[in-house]
Amino acid sequence: MRVLYFDCFSGISGDMTVGALRDLGVEEAVFHQALEGLGLGGEFHAHFHRGSRQNIAGWKFDVHAHGHSHQEAHQHHGNEHDGHSVHGRSFREIRELVEKSSLSEFIKSRSVATFLRIAVAEGKIHGRPAEEVTFHEVGAIDSIADIVAACAGLEALGVDRIFASKLVEGTGWVDCAHGRFPLPAPATMDILTGIPLRQIEESGELITPTGAALLAEFANSFGPLPEMRIEKIGYGLGTRDSAPRPNVLRAVLGECAETPDGEMDEITQIETNLDDFTAELAGATMERLFAAGALDVFFTAAQMKKNRPGFVLTVLASEEKASELARIVLTETSAFGVRMHRTRRMKLRREFRDVETSYGPVRIKLGFLGDELVQAAPEYESCRETAKKAGVSVRDVHLAAWIGTPPKPEGSK
């Protein structure tokens, strides 16, 4: 499986993404041809040049709109204007521009989808529909060029999966159309909803709305570098040149050794041995851990030291919840310490559907490996609720739901 990994140790922006793709070997003609396909030749021009950030060499992608520099454009990058300027471009206009262009269907659809993420975020902030969100002239040109060029570069690479590191954002303030606002910028934070994000004690904006939108649109998962045979490494340069970390985006291209269709993520496993803890307290602790956001909690029978029977308490948690859940274990049980380690897991993509039975609707859970349905099962709580309303046993509803469950492919377990 051919994969692309974005190592966002210094954040990500649209121009950094395009520069990294160029450094991976995508020809300049690919980007210029895509930008020419927009039919905006009189409004801006773009070019690449080699450079470095703290002695890390790479490609810098610059867009000049109406004589403005890419750096100035970043000051308006993704910022929704007041809606009254005649120089603004609405998302509706941007979508029509892209859809009427001579770009490929892949570039059209993914560019519009990426820009829509920015428009939706700005719309939420200002309480208006995404279609009506208006972008500052310079910021709109800058974002359009970055997004279209990035989509063209990704199409040219032809990778099967795109992964990214967990994201970090700096601290401080940013001047935008909303006024002076603390980082992360409002649109950036909204776009990254559901994506791992951590703030670090380094000043300055590391993630732009366009960079966030590209990751939200294309990245399949976020975590450490997967096991892979590395073919090439590229660096895209940002606008700034400030310590302590070089303002570059590292992109890694290669063949992944992992199962291609499974979704990968990273979790923390918390464990402790207990030999002086009652069953009643164990049940209460399990409830407390689940309520606090544990992914799973279970007890395993074990023989402890001094020949005492006991059990091992295991808690699976997201990295963000690990410290809180470990504290619950230490305060709610008799443990004097816990073991914590990170582990990667591969999981099926899950979907939920309702099936009709003679007793009423029942929700079923479907598990997909890629596009293949490999698991299907009725949800117990849904079966119980339907059984209670129908006055029948849960077993009857469960069997009826199985009859209405989509069959798994031949050869599946």
Protein backbone atom coordinates (compact mmCIF):
# COMPACT_ATOMS: atom_id res chain seq x y z
CA MET A 1 0.00 0.00 0.00
CA ARG A 2 1.45 3.34 -1.07
CA VAL A 3 1.07 5.87 1.75
CA LEU A 4 1.87 9.48 2.52
CA TYR A 5 2.62 10.61 6.07
CA PHE A 6 2.55 14.28 7.10
CA ASP A 7 4.78 14.90 10.10
CA CYS A 8 3.32 18.14 11.45
CA PHE A 9 5.85 18.69 14.24
CA SER A 10 5.92 22.39 13.33
CA GLY A 11 2.29 22.69 12.28
CA ILE A 12 0.89 22.83 8.77
CA SER A 13 -0.36 25.40 6.25
CA GLY A 14 -1.51 25.25 2.67
CA ASP A 15 1.75 26.54 1.18
CA MET A 16 3.81 24.17 3.35
CA THR A 17 1.72 21.27 2.06
CA VAL A 18 2.26 22.26 -1.57
CA GLY A 19 5.98 22.77 -1.00
CA ALA A 20 6.33 19.34 0.63
CA LEU A 21 4.56 17.67 -2.30
CA ARG A 22 6.91 19.46 -4.72
CA ASP A 23 9.90 18.22 -2.71
CA LEU A 24 8.56 14.67 -2.96
CA GLY A 25 8.98 14.90 -6.71
CA VAL A 26 5.71 16.25 -8.08
CA GLU A 27 6.65 18.33 -11.13
CA GLU A 28 6.03 22.08 -11.04
CA ALA A 29 4.00 21.75 -14.23
CA VAL A 30 1.36 19.76 -12.34
CA PHE A 31 0.70 22.65 -9.96
CA HIS A 32 0.87 25.40 -12.58
CA GLN A 33 -1.44 23.52 -14.95
CA ALA A 34 -4.02 23.15 -12.18
CA LEU A 35 -3.84 26.83 -11.23
CA GLU A 36 -4.12 27.89 -14.87
CA GLY A 37 -7.24 25.73 -15.13
CA LEU A 38 -9.00 28.10 -12.73
CA GLY A 39 -8.99 30.87 -15.32
CA LEU A 40 -7.72 33.49 -12.83
CA GLY A 41 -4.47 34.27 -14.58
CA GLY A 42 -5.00 38.02 -14.27
CA GLU A 43 -5.59 37.91 -10.50
CA PHE A 44 -2.50 36.13 -9.20
CA HIS A 45 0.62 34.23 -10.07
CA ALA A 46 2.45 31.52 -8.15
CA HIS A 47 6.00 30.21 -8.11
CA PHE A 48 8.34 27.87 -6.23
CA HIS A 49 11.83 28.55 -4.96
CA ARG A 50 14.36 26.57 -2.96
CA GLY A 51 15.18 27.77 0.52
CA SER A 52 15.79 26.61 4.07
CA ARG A 53 14.52 27.03 7.59
CA GLN A 54 17.16 26.55 10.31
CA ASN A 55 19.31 24.65 7.79
CA ILE A 56 16.48 22.35 6.66
CA ALA A 57 16.25 22.67 2.86
CA GLY A 58 12.98 22.43 1.00
CA TRP A 59 10.59 24.14 -1.41
CA LYS A 60 8.68 27.35 -0.70
CA PHE A 61 5.41 27.94 -2.54
CA ASP A 62 4.49 31.61 -2.98
CA VAL A 63 1.27 33.15 -4.24
CA HIS A 64 1.14 36.82 -5.26
CA ALA A 65 -2.35 38.28 -5.56
CA HIS A 66 -2.72 41.78 -7.08
CA GLY A 67 0.80 42.61 -6.10
CA HIS A 68 0.40 41.26 -2.54
CA SER A 69 2.79 38.68 -1.15
CA HIS A 70 1.92 35.23 0.17
CA GLN A 71 2.93 36.43 3.64
CA GLU A 72 0.40 39.27 3.54
CA ALA A 73 -2.22 36.87 2.27
CA HIS A 74 -1.63 34.70 5.35
CA GLN A 75 -2.77 37.58 7.53
CA HIS A 76 -6.19 37.14 5.97
CA HIS A 77 -5.90 33.38 5.54
CA GLY A 78 -9.31 31.81 6.05
CA ASN A 79 -10.67 34.85 7.83
CA GLU A 80 -14.29 35.70 7.15
CA HIS A 81 -14.74 39.35 6.20
CA ASP A 82 -17.59 41.61 7.25
CA GLY A 83 -19.70 40.61 4.24
CA HIS A 84 -19.98 44.19 2.90
CA SER A 85 -16.74 44.49 0.93
CA VAL A 86 -17.09 44.34 -2.84
CA HIS A 87 -13.63 42.78 -2.94
CA GLY A 88 -14.71 39.69 -1.05
CA ARG A 89 -15.49 36.26 -2.52
CA SER A 90 -18.23 34.11 -1.08
CA PHE A 91 -17.96 30.36 -0.76
CA ARG A 92 -20.73 30.05 -3.33
CA GLU A 93 -18.63 32.03 -5.83
CA ILE A 94 -15.53 29.99 -5.05
CA ARG A 95 -17.43 26.72 -5.52
CA GLU A 96 -18.84 27.87 -8.86
CA LEU A 97 -15.38 29.00 -9.96
CA VAL A 98 -13.86 25.60 -9.23
CA GLU A 99 -16.76 23.56 -10.63
CA LYS A 100 -16.74 25.50 -13.94
CA SER A 101 -12.98 25.17 -14.35
CA SER A 102 -11.07 22.70 -16.54
CA LEU A 103 -9.70 20.85 -13.51
CA SER A 104 -10.06 17.08 -13.12
CA GLU A 105 -13.06 15.76 -11.22
CA PHE A 106 -10.81 14.68 -8.34
CA ILE A 107 -9.34 18.17 -7.94
CA LYS A 108 -12.74 19.82 -8.29
CA SER A 109 -14.53 17.66 -5.72
CA ARG A 110 -11.76 17.59 -3.13
CA SER A 111 -10.98 21.31 -3.48
CA VAL A 112 -14.63 22.26 -2.96
CA ALA A 113 -14.93 19.84 -0.02
CA THR A 114 -11.80 21.28 1.60
CA PHE A 115 -12.90 24.88 1.14
CA LEU A 116 -16.34 23.97 2.47
CA ARG A 117 -14.75 22.94 5.77
CA ILE A 118 -13.37 26.47 6.16
CA ALA A 119 -16.68 28.06 5.16
CA VAL A 120 -18.66 25.89 7.59
CA ALA A 121 -16.29 26.80 10.42
CA GLU A 122 -16.53 30.52 9.66
CA GLY A 123 -20.29 30.23 9.27
CA LYS A 124 -20.62 28.75 12.76
CA ILE A 125 -18.53 31.53 14.23
CA HIS A 126 -20.61 34.26 12.60
CA GLY A 127 -23.99 32.53 12.68
CA ARG A 128 -24.59 32.42 8.94
CA PRO A 129 -24.85 29.70 6.26
CA ALA A 130 -21.61 28.51 4.70
CA GLU A 131 -22.83 29.60 1.26
CA GLU A 132 -22.92 33.22 2.43
CA VAL A 133 -19.51 33.32 4.10
CA THR A 134 -17.36 35.94 2.38
CA PHE A 135 -13.57 35.78 2.36
CA HIS A 136 -11.23 38.73 2.10
CA GLU A 137 -9.98 39.11 -1.47
CA VAL A 138 -6.32 38.33 -0.72
CA GLY A 139 -7.15 35.50 1.69
CA ALA A 140 -9.55 33.93 -0.81
CA ILE A 141 -7.01 33.92 -3.66
CA ASP A 142 -4.35 32.56 -1.33
CA SER A 143 -6.57 29.75 -0.05
CA ILE A 144 -7.90 28.83 -3.50
CA ALA A 145 -4.36 28.55 -4.89
CA ASP A 146 -3.09 26.53 -1.92
CA ILE A 147 -6.02 24.12 -1.89
CA VAL A 148 -6.20 23.54 -5.64
CA ALA A 149 -2.42 23.10 -5.88
CA ALA A 150 -2.39 20.68 -2.93
CA CYS A 151 -5.20 18.59 -4.43
CA ALA A 152 -3.37 18.50 -7.76
CA GLY A 153 -0.18 17.34 -6.04
CA LEU A 154 -1.97 14.63 -4.11
CA GLU A 155 -3.69 13.41 -7.27
CA ALA A 156 -0.29 13.20 -9.01
CA LEU A 157 1.22 11.17 -6.16
CA GLY A 158 -1.62 8.65 -6.36
CA VAL A 159 -1.26 7.34 -2.80
CA ASP A 160 -3.71 4.85 -1.26
CA ARG A 161 -3.78 6.31 2.24
CA ILE A 162 -2.74 9.54 3.93
CA PHE A 163 -1.73 9.62 7.59
CA ALA A 164 -0.62 12.49 9.82
CA SER A 165 0.99 13.01 13.18
CA LYS A 166 -0.98 14.36 16.08
CA LEU A 167 -1.16 18.13 15.84
CA VAL A 168 0.44 20.81 18.00
CA GLU A 169 -0.45 24.50 18.08
CA GLY A 170 1.46 27.37 19.63
CA THR A 171 0.31 29.94 22.14
CA GLY A 172 -0.26 33.66 21.84
CA TRP A 173 -2.60 35.83 19.84
CA VAL A 174 -3.57 36.19 16.19
CA ASP A 175 -5.03 39.23 14.44
CA CYS A 176 -7.95 38.25 12.25
CA ALA A 177 -11.33 39.53 11.07
CA HIS A 178 -12.72 38.66 14.50
CA GLY A 179 -10.23 40.99 16.18
CA ARG A 180 -7.33 39.91 18.35
CA PHE A 181 -7.98 36.31 19.35
CA PRO A 182 -6.03 33.68 21.33
CA LEU A 183 -4.61 30.68 19.55
CA PRO A 184 -5.81 28.33 18.23
CA ALA A 185 -7.65 30.64 15.84
CA PRO A 186 -11.45 30.18 15.95
CA ALA A 187 -11.79 28.67 12.46
CA THR A 188 -8.79 26.38 12.95
CA MET A 189 -10.16 24.98 16.19
CA ASP A 190 -13.59 24.34 14.69
CA ILE A 191 -12.15 22.62 11.60
CA LEU A 192 -10.08 20.31 13.81
CA THR A 193 -13.05 19.12 15.88
CA GLY A 194 -12.56 15.40 16.50
CA ILE A 195 -8.84 15.49 15.57
CA PRO A 196 -6.11 15.19 18.25
CA LEU A 197 -4.74 18.67 19.04
CA ARG A 198 -2.34 19.79 21.76
CA GLN A 199 -1.16 23.29 22.63
CA ILE A 200 2.53 23.79 23.42
CA GLU A 201 4.43 26.55 25.20
CA GLU A 202 5.87 28.11 22.05
CA SER A 203 4.65 31.42 20.70
CA GLY A 204 3.11 31.80 17.27
CA GLU A 205 0.48 30.23 15.05
CA LEU A 206 1.57 26.82 13.73
CA ILE A 207 -1.65 25.66 12.05
CA THR A 208 -3.58 27.77 9.53
CA PRO A 209 -7.23 27.16 8.65
CA THR A 210 -6.24 25.93 5.18
CA GLY A 211 -3.69 23.50 6.59
CA ALA A 212 -6.25 22.24 9.08
CA ALA A 213 -8.89 21.82 6.35
CA LEU A 214 -6.54 19.84 4.10
CA LEU A 215 -5.73 17.44 6.93
CA ALA A 216 -9.38 17.11 7.96
CA GLU A 217 -10.31 16.30 4.36
CA PHE A 218 -7.50 13.91 3.43
CA ALA A 219 -5.95 12.29 6.52
CA ASN A 220 -7.27 8.80 7.30
CA SER A 221 -5.87 8.75 10.84
CA PHE A 222 -3.58 10.64 13.21
CA GLY A 223 -0.73 9.14 15.20
CA PRO A 224 2.93 8.08 15.03
CA LEU A 225 4.64 7.07 11.80
CA PRO A 226 3.25 3.67 10.73
CA GLU A 227 5.56 0.80 9.87
CA MET A 228 6.59 1.49 6.31
CA ARG A 229 9.38 1.22 3.75
CA ILE A 230 10.36 4.85 3.18
CA GLU A 231 10.93 5.87 -0.43
CA LYS A 232 11.30 9.61 -0.21
CA ILE A 233 11.12 12.52 2.26
CA GLY A 234 10.08 16.04 1.32
CA TYR A 235 10.08 19.35 3.16
CA GLY A 236 7.67 22.25 2.60
CA LEU A 237 8.81 25.60 3.96
CA GLY A 238 6.60 27.97 5.90
CA THR A 239 6.73 31.75 5.81
CA ARG A 240 8.45 32.36 9.14
CA ASP A 241 11.97 31.47 10.24
CA SER A 242 11.72 31.35 14.02
CA ALA A 243 13.19 29.12 16.72
CA PRO A 244 13.03 26.72 18.41
CA ARG A 245 11.60 24.37 15.76
CA PRO A 246 12.17 24.89 12.02
CA ASN A 247 9.06 26.12 10.23
CA VAL A 248 8.80 23.13 7.88
CA LEU A 249 6.34 20.37 7.11
CA ARG A 250 7.91 16.94 6.63
CA ALA A 251 6.18 14.56 4.22
CA VAL A 252 7.16 10.89 4.04
CA LEU A 253 6.28 8.75 1.03
CA GLY A 254 6.55 4.98 1.07
CA GLU A 255 5.03 1.51 1.15
CA CYS A 256 3.14 0.60 4.29
CA ALA A 257 3.65 -2.86 5.79
CA GLU A 258 0.40 -2.74 7.73
CA THR A 259 -2.96 -4.15 6.66
CA PRO A 260 -4.23 -1.61 4.14
CA ASP A 261 -7.89 -1.49 5.05
CA GLY A 262 -7.85 -1.25 8.84
CA GLU A 263 -8.19 2.08 10.62
CA MET A 264 -5.19 2.72 12.88
CA ASP A 265 -4.93 4.84 15.98
CA GLU A 266 -2.95 5.02 19.21
CA ILE A 267 -4.32 4.46 22.70
CA THR A 268 -2.96 4.20 26.24
CA GLN A 269 -3.30 0.98 28.24
CA ILE A 270 -3.47 1.40 32.02
CA GLU A 271 -3.03 -1.66 34.26
CA THR A 272 -2.69 -2.49 37.92
CA ASN A 273 -2.76 -5.67 40.05
CA LEU A 274 -5.35 -5.87 42.86
CA ASP A 275 -5.58 -8.57 45.54
CA ASP A 276 -7.43 -6.74 48.32
CA PHE A 277 -10.36 -5.18 46.49
CA THR A 278 -14.00 -6.27 46.82
CA ALA A 279 -16.25 -7.16 43.90
CA GLU A 280 -18.70 -4.42 44.86
CA LEU A 281 -16.00 -1.73 44.72
CA ALA A 282 -14.68 -3.18 41.47
CA GLY A 283 -18.10 -2.74 39.86
CA ALA A 284 -18.36 0.83 41.12
CA THR A 285 -14.88 1.64 39.81
CA MET A 286 -15.75 0.25 36.39
CA GLU A 287 -18.83 2.47 36.20
CA ARG A 288 -16.79 5.51 37.23
CA LEU A 289 -14.12 4.80 34.59
CA PHE A 290 -16.65 4.37 31.79
CA ALA A 291 -18.43 7.56 32.83
CA ALA A 292 -15.10 9.41 32.66
CA GLY A 293 -14.52 8.34 29.05
CA ALA A 294 -12.66 4.99 29.16
CA LEU A 295 -12.73 3.11 25.86
CA ASP A 296 -12.88 -0.22 27.69
CA VAL A 297 -12.49 -1.56 31.24
CA PHE A 298 -12.07 -5.21 32.22
CA PHE A 299 -10.80 -7.44 35.02
CA THR A 300 -8.67 -10.54 34.45
CA ALA A 301 -8.30 -13.23 37.11
CA ALA A 302 -4.67 -13.65 38.24
CA GLN A 303 -2.60 -15.32 40.96
CA MET A 304 -0.83 -12.64 42.99
CA LYS A 305 2.22 -12.78 45.24
CA LYS A 306 1.89 -14.55 48.61
CA ASN A 307 -0.45 -17.01 46.81
CA ARG A 308 -3.37 -14.59 46.92
CA PRO A 309 -6.06 -14.80 44.24
CA GLY A 310 -6.75 -11.44 42.64
CA PHE A 311 -7.22 -9.77 39.31
CA VAL A 312 -5.61 -7.34 36.88
CA LEU A 313 -7.57 -4.18 36.14
CA THR A 314 -7.04 -2.98 32.57
CA VAL A 315 -8.27 0.34 31.23
CA LEU A 316 -8.03 1.41 27.59
CA ALA A 317 -8.00 5.17 27.08
CA SER A 318 -7.34 7.86 24.54
CA GLU A 319 -4.12 9.75 25.16
CA GLU A 320 -6.10 12.82 26.21
CA LYS A 321 -7.99 10.86 28.90
CA ALA A 322 -5.12 8.70 30.17
CA SER A 323 -3.99 10.89 33.09
CA GLU A 324 -7.53 11.47 34.35
CA LEU A 325 -8.40 7.76 34.24
CA ALA A 326 -5.13 6.74 35.90
CA ARG A 327 -5.96 9.14 38.73
CA ILE A 328 -9.38 7.50 39.15
CA VAL A 329 -7.73 4.08 39.42
CA LEU A 330 -5.34 5.37 42.09
CA THR A 331 -8.06 7.10 44.12
CA GLU A 332 -10.93 4.62 43.71
CA THR A 333 -9.04 1.33 44.18
CA SER A 334 -6.42 -0.01 46.59
CA ALA A 335 -3.64 0.34 43.97
CA PHE A 336 -0.39 2.10 44.90
CA GLY A 337 0.68 2.42 41.27
CA VAL A 338 -0.35 1.80 37.69
CA ARG A 339 1.47 0.70 34.54
CA MET A 340 0.88 2.87 31.48
CA HIS A 341 2.05 2.31 27.94
CA ARG A 342 0.98 3.41 24.49
CA THR A 343 -0.15 0.87 21.96
CA ARG A 344 -1.43 0.95 18.40
CA ARG A 345 -4.67 -0.72 17.45
CA MET A 346 -6.31 -1.57 14.16
CA LYS A 347 -10.08 -1.32 14.14
CA LEU A 348 -12.93 -1.78 11.74
CA ARG A 349 -14.75 1.23 10.38
CA ARG A 350 -18.13 1.24 12.11
CA GLU A 351 -21.56 2.19 10.89
CA PHE A 352 -24.95 1.92 12.56
CA ARG A 353 -28.25 1.17 10.85
CA ASP A 354 -31.80 0.48 11.95
CA VAL A 355 -33.51 -2.70 10.73
CA GLU A 356 -37.22 -3.34 10.95
CA THR A 357 -38.41 -6.38 12.87
CA SER A 358 -41.88 -7.63 13.75
CA TYR A 359 -41.32 -6.10 17.21
CA GLY A 360 -40.11 -2.70 16.02
CA PRO A 361 -36.87 -1.11 14.80
CA VAL A 362 -33.53 -2.40 16.15
CA ARG A 363 -30.14 -0.78 15.71
CA ILE A 364 -27.33 -2.94 14.34
CA LYS A 365 -23.59 -2.28 14.25
CA LEU A 366 -21.68 -2.96 11.02
CA GLY A 367 -17.91 -3.35 10.77
CA PHE A 368 -16.08 -2.66 7.50
CA LEU A 369 -12.53 -3.61 6.53
CA GLY A 370 -12.00 -1.08 3.79
CA ASP A 371 -15.20 -1.32 1.76
CA GLU A 372 -15.90 -4.94 2.74
CA LEU A 373 -18.56 -5.70 5.36
CA VAL A 374 -16.99 -8.26 7.71
CA GLN A 375 -18.98 -7.92 10.95
CA ALA A 376 -22.63 -7.27 11.79
CA ALA A 377 -24.44 -7.58 15.11
CA PRO A 378 -27.59 -6.21 16.79
CA GLU A 379 -26.94 -3.72 19.58
CA TYR A 380 -27.98 -5.18 22.93
CA GLU A 381 -29.36 -1.94 24.41
CA SER A 382 -31.54 -1.40 21.33
CA CYS A 383 -32.79 -5.00 21.53
CA ARG A 384 -33.61 -4.58 25.21
CA GLU A 385 -35.53 -1.35 24.64
CA THR A 386 -37.55 -2.84 21.78
CA ALA A 387 -38.23 -6.01 23.78
CA LYS A 388 -39.52 -3.98 26.72
CA LYS A 389 -41.90 -2.03 24.50
CA ALA A 390 -43.14 -5.17 22.73
CA GLY A 391 -43.43 -7.24 25.90
CA VAL A 392 -41.23 -10.06 24.61
CA SER A 393 -37.83 -11.46 25.53
CA VAL A 394 -34.60 -9.80 24.46
CA ARG A 395 -33.64 -13.11 22.81
CA ASP A 396 -36.68 -12.96 20.53
CA VAL A 397 -35.83 -9.44 19.39
CA HIS A 398 -32.17 -10.33 18.96
CA LEU A 399 -33.05 -13.25 16.67
CA ALA A 400 -35.50 -11.12 14.70
CA ALA A 401 -32.84 -8.45 14.21
CA TRP A 402 -30.41 -11.06 12.89
CA ILE A 403 -32.91 -11.97 10.19
CA GLY A 404 -33.01 -8.33 9.04
CA THR A 405 -29.22 -7.81 9.29
CA PRO A 406 -27.36 -7.46 5.97
CA PRO A 407 -25.52 -10.72 5.20
CA LYS A 408 -21.74 -10.72 5.48
CA PRO A 409 -19.70 -11.60 2.42
CA GLU A 410 -19.01 -15.28 1.79
CA GLY A 411 -15.92 -16.39 3.65
CA SER A 412 -16.29 -13.85 6.47
CA LYS A 413 -16.38 -15.06 10.03
